[in-house]
N, C-alpha and C. Protein backbone atom coordinates (compact mmCIF):
# COMPACT_ATOMS: atom_id res chain seq x y z
N MET A 1 121.42 50.50 118.03
CA MET A 1 121.83 51.52 118.97
C MET A 1 121.98 50.86 120.34
N SER A 2 122.95 51.29 121.05
CA SER A 2 123.22 50.72 122.37
C SER A 2 122.20 51.24 123.38
N LYS A 3 121.92 50.44 124.40
CA LYS A 3 120.93 50.82 125.41
C LYS A 3 121.41 52.00 126.24
N SER A 4 122.70 52.23 126.33
CA SER A 4 123.21 53.36 127.13
C SER A 4 123.03 54.69 126.40
N LEU A 5 122.93 54.67 125.06
CA LEU A 5 122.74 55.91 124.30
C LEU A 5 121.27 56.27 124.12
N LEU A 6 120.37 55.34 124.40
CA LEU A 6 118.95 55.58 124.21
C LEU A 6 118.42 56.74 125.08
N PRO A 7 118.70 56.78 126.40
CA PRO A 7 118.21 57.92 127.19
C PRO A 7 118.80 59.25 126.73
N LEU A 8 120.06 59.24 126.35
CA LEU A 8 120.71 60.47 125.87
C LEU A 8 120.07 60.94 124.57
N SER A 9 119.73 60.02 123.69
CA SER A 9 119.07 60.35 122.43
C SER A 9 117.68 60.93 122.67
N ILE A 10 116.96 60.40 123.64
CA ILE A 10 115.61 60.89 123.95
C ILE A 10 115.69 62.30 124.51
N VAL A 11 116.64 62.55 125.39
CA VAL A 11 116.82 63.89 125.97
C VAL A 11 117.21 64.88 124.86
N PHE A 12 118.11 64.50 123.99
CA PHE A 12 118.53 65.36 122.88
C PHE A 12 117.35 65.68 121.96
N LEU A 13 116.54 64.69 121.66
CA LEU A 13 115.36 64.89 120.82
C LEU A 13 114.37 65.85 121.50
N GLY A 14 114.18 65.70 122.79
CA GLY A 14 113.28 66.59 123.54
C GLY A 14 113.76 68.03 123.52
N ILE A 15 115.06 68.22 123.71
CA ILE A 15 115.63 69.58 123.67
C ILE A 15 115.46 70.19 122.28
N CYS A 16 115.69 69.41 121.24
CA CYS A 16 115.51 69.90 119.87
C CYS A 16 114.07 70.31 119.60
N ILE A 17 113.12 69.51 120.08
CA ILE A 17 111.71 69.83 119.89
C ILE A 17 111.35 71.12 120.63
N LEU A 18 111.82 71.26 121.87
CA LEU A 18 111.54 72.48 122.65
C LEU A 18 112.15 73.72 121.99
N LEU A 19 113.39 73.63 121.55
CA LEU A 19 114.03 74.78 120.90
C LEU A 19 113.33 75.14 119.59
N GLY A 20 112.96 74.14 118.82
CA GLY A 20 112.26 74.40 117.57
C GLY A 20 110.91 75.07 117.81
N SER A 21 110.18 74.61 118.81
CA SER A 21 108.89 75.24 119.14
C SER A 21 109.08 76.67 119.59
N TRP A 22 110.12 76.91 120.38
CA TRP A 22 110.38 78.27 120.87
C TRP A 22 110.72 79.20 119.70
N PHE A 23 111.55 78.76 118.78
CA PHE A 23 111.90 79.58 117.62
C PHE A 23 110.66 79.90 116.78
N ILE A 24 109.81 78.94 116.58
CA ILE A 24 108.59 79.17 115.80
C ILE A 24 107.67 80.16 116.51
N SER A 25 107.51 80.04 117.82
CA SER A 25 106.64 80.97 118.56
C SER A 25 107.21 82.38 118.53
N GLN A 26 108.52 82.53 118.57
CA GLN A 26 109.13 83.86 118.49
C GLN A 26 108.90 84.50 117.12
N SER A 27 108.91 83.71 116.08
CA SER A 27 108.68 84.27 114.75
C SER A 27 107.24 84.77 114.61
N PHE A 28 106.29 84.12 115.28
CA PHE A 28 104.90 84.59 115.24
C PHE A 28 104.74 85.91 115.96
N THR A 29 105.38 86.08 117.11
CA THR A 29 105.24 87.34 117.86
C THR A 29 105.90 88.49 117.12
N ILE A 30 107.00 88.26 116.44
CA ILE A 30 107.66 89.32 115.67
C ILE A 30 106.76 89.75 114.51
N ASN A 31 106.12 88.80 113.83
CA ASN A 31 105.23 89.13 112.72
C ASN A 31 104.01 89.92 113.19
N GLN A 32 103.50 89.62 114.37
CA GLN A 32 102.35 90.34 114.89
C GLN A 32 102.72 91.79 115.18
N GLU A 33 103.92 92.05 115.72
CA GLU A 33 104.35 93.41 115.99
C GLU A 33 104.52 94.19 114.69
N ASP A 34 105.05 93.56 113.66
CA ASP A 34 105.22 94.21 112.36
C ASP A 34 103.86 94.55 111.75
N ASN A 35 102.89 93.65 111.90
CA ASN A 35 101.55 93.89 111.35
C ASN A 35 100.88 95.06 112.04
N LYS A 36 101.09 95.23 113.35
CA LYS A 36 100.49 96.35 114.08
C LYS A 36 101.06 97.67 113.57
N GLU A 37 102.37 97.71 113.31
CA GLU A 37 102.99 98.95 112.81
C GLU A 37 102.45 99.30 111.44
N THR A 38 102.34 98.34 110.55
CA THR A 38 101.85 98.64 109.20
C THR A 38 100.37 98.97 109.22
N GLU A 39 99.62 98.36 110.14
CA GLU A 39 98.20 98.67 110.25
C GLU A 39 98.01 100.12 110.70
N ASN A 40 98.84 100.59 111.64
CA ASN A 40 98.75 101.97 112.08
C ASN A 40 99.11 102.93 110.96
N GLU A 41 100.07 102.57 110.12
CA GLU A 41 100.43 103.42 108.99
C GLU A 41 99.32 103.46 107.95
N GLN A 42 98.61 102.36 107.76
CA GLN A 42 97.56 102.30 106.76
C GLN A 42 96.38 103.17 107.13
N ILE A 43 96.05 103.29 108.41
CA ILE A 43 94.90 104.10 108.80
C ILE A 43 95.30 105.53 109.12
N ARG A 44 96.53 105.90 108.82
CA ARG A 44 96.99 107.26 109.05
C ARG A 44 96.40 108.23 108.04
N TYR A 45 96.14 107.79 106.82
CA TYR A 45 95.67 108.66 105.74
C TYR A 45 94.23 108.35 105.37
N ASP A 46 93.48 109.40 105.05
CA ASP A 46 92.13 109.26 104.52
C ASP A 46 92.10 109.80 103.10
N PHE A 47 91.52 109.05 102.19
CA PHE A 47 91.32 109.50 100.82
C PHE A 47 89.85 109.90 100.70
N ILE A 48 89.61 111.16 100.32
CA ILE A 48 88.25 111.67 100.24
C ILE A 48 88.01 112.19 98.82
N ALA A 49 86.96 111.69 98.18
CA ALA A 49 86.57 112.18 96.87
C ALA A 49 85.41 113.16 97.07
N LEU A 50 85.70 114.46 96.97
CA LEU A 50 84.65 115.46 97.18
C LEU A 50 83.67 115.48 96.01
N THR A 51 84.19 115.50 94.79
CA THR A 51 83.39 115.37 93.58
C THR A 51 84.14 114.43 92.65
N SER A 52 83.68 114.32 91.42
CA SER A 52 84.38 113.43 90.49
C SER A 52 85.72 114.00 90.05
N ASP A 53 85.97 115.31 90.28
CA ASP A 53 87.24 115.92 89.88
C ASP A 53 88.06 116.47 91.04
N VAL A 54 87.54 116.46 92.24
CA VAL A 54 88.25 117.04 93.40
C VAL A 54 88.50 115.93 94.42
N TYR A 55 89.80 115.75 94.75
CA TYR A 55 90.20 114.70 95.68
C TYR A 55 91.04 115.31 96.78
N VAL A 56 90.94 114.71 97.98
CA VAL A 56 91.69 115.17 99.15
C VAL A 56 92.31 113.94 99.82
N ILE A 57 93.59 114.07 100.21
CA ILE A 57 94.24 113.07 101.06
C ILE A 57 94.55 113.78 102.37
N PHE A 58 94.01 113.24 103.46
CA PHE A 58 94.17 113.85 104.77
C PHE A 58 95.07 112.99 105.64
N ASP A 59 96.10 113.61 106.23
CA ASP A 59 97.02 112.94 107.15
C ASP A 59 96.49 113.14 108.57
N LYS A 60 95.96 112.08 109.16
CA LYS A 60 95.35 112.19 110.49
C LYS A 60 96.38 112.51 111.57
N GLN A 61 97.60 112.04 111.38
CA GLN A 61 98.62 112.22 112.40
C GLN A 61 99.12 113.66 112.46
N LYS A 62 99.35 114.29 111.33
CA LYS A 62 99.89 115.65 111.29
C LYS A 62 98.83 116.71 111.06
N GLY A 63 97.63 116.32 110.62
CA GLY A 63 96.58 117.28 110.35
C GLY A 63 96.77 118.01 109.04
N GLU A 64 97.61 117.50 108.16
CA GLU A 64 97.86 118.13 106.86
C GLU A 64 96.98 117.47 105.80
N TYR A 65 96.75 118.19 104.71
CA TYR A 65 96.01 117.58 103.61
C TYR A 65 96.51 118.08 102.27
N TRP A 66 96.34 117.22 101.26
CA TRP A 66 96.73 117.52 99.90
C TRP A 66 95.47 117.53 99.05
N LEU A 67 95.42 118.46 98.12
CA LEU A 67 94.24 118.65 97.29
C LEU A 67 94.61 118.49 95.82
N LYS A 68 93.72 117.87 95.05
CA LYS A 68 93.94 117.69 93.62
C LYS A 68 92.66 118.06 92.89
N TRP A 69 92.77 118.99 91.94
CA TRP A 69 91.63 119.41 91.11
C TRP A 69 91.79 118.79 89.74
N GLY A 70 90.87 117.96 89.32
CA GLY A 70 90.91 117.36 87.99
C GLY A 70 91.94 116.27 87.88
N SER A 71 91.95 115.62 86.73
CA SER A 71 92.86 114.49 86.53
C SER A 71 94.25 114.92 86.07
N ASP A 72 94.39 116.13 85.52
CA ASP A 72 95.69 116.56 85.00
C ASP A 72 96.53 117.34 86.01
N SER A 73 95.95 117.79 87.09
CA SER A 73 96.68 118.63 88.03
C SER A 73 97.53 117.79 88.98
N GLU A 74 98.45 118.48 89.66
CA GLU A 74 99.33 117.85 90.63
C GLU A 74 98.71 117.95 92.02
N TRP A 75 99.17 117.08 92.93
CA TRP A 75 98.73 117.18 94.32
C TRP A 75 99.39 118.40 94.94
N LYS A 76 98.62 119.23 95.63
CA LYS A 76 99.14 120.44 96.26
C LYS A 76 98.82 120.40 97.74
N LYS A 77 99.88 120.64 98.53
CA LYS A 77 99.70 120.64 99.98
C LYS A 77 99.00 121.93 100.38
N GLN A 78 97.99 121.82 101.24
CA GLN A 78 97.21 122.95 101.69
C GLN A 78 97.47 123.18 103.19
N GLU A 79 97.12 124.38 103.64
CA GLU A 79 97.23 124.65 105.07
C GLU A 79 96.20 123.81 105.79
N SER A 80 96.54 123.43 107.04
CA SER A 80 95.60 122.62 107.79
C SER A 80 94.40 123.46 108.22
N PHE A 81 93.31 122.79 108.47
CA PHE A 81 92.08 123.48 108.87
C PHE A 81 92.28 124.18 110.21
N SER A 82 93.00 123.57 111.12
CA SER A 82 93.14 124.13 112.47
C SER A 82 93.95 125.42 112.46
N SER A 83 94.95 125.55 111.57
CA SER A 83 95.76 126.78 111.53
C SER A 83 94.97 127.92 110.93
N SER A 84 94.00 127.66 110.07
CA SER A 84 93.20 128.74 109.49
C SER A 84 92.14 129.24 110.48
N ILE A 85 91.78 128.42 111.46
CA ILE A 85 90.80 128.81 112.44
C ILE A 85 91.40 129.71 113.50
N GLU A 86 92.66 129.47 113.86
CA GLU A 86 93.30 130.21 114.94
C GLU A 86 93.53 131.65 114.64
């Protein structure tokens, strides 16, 4: 390699390293934002086993809940607790 191309090659290598590092750091920040959204969705619902045959799924965000009696029945949406109090 010629001595006149050596400084240009070093500058080009430095720019490539900086751009590569920046792209990698951006991919980490995007993944962290996605994880926060899925984490919030995961803690939105509570599964409650009242007895061995009665189960409740409670939606913390909307205040709604679904009830299931026994293993053969379907999930049924129930009125929220707050609307029955009012």
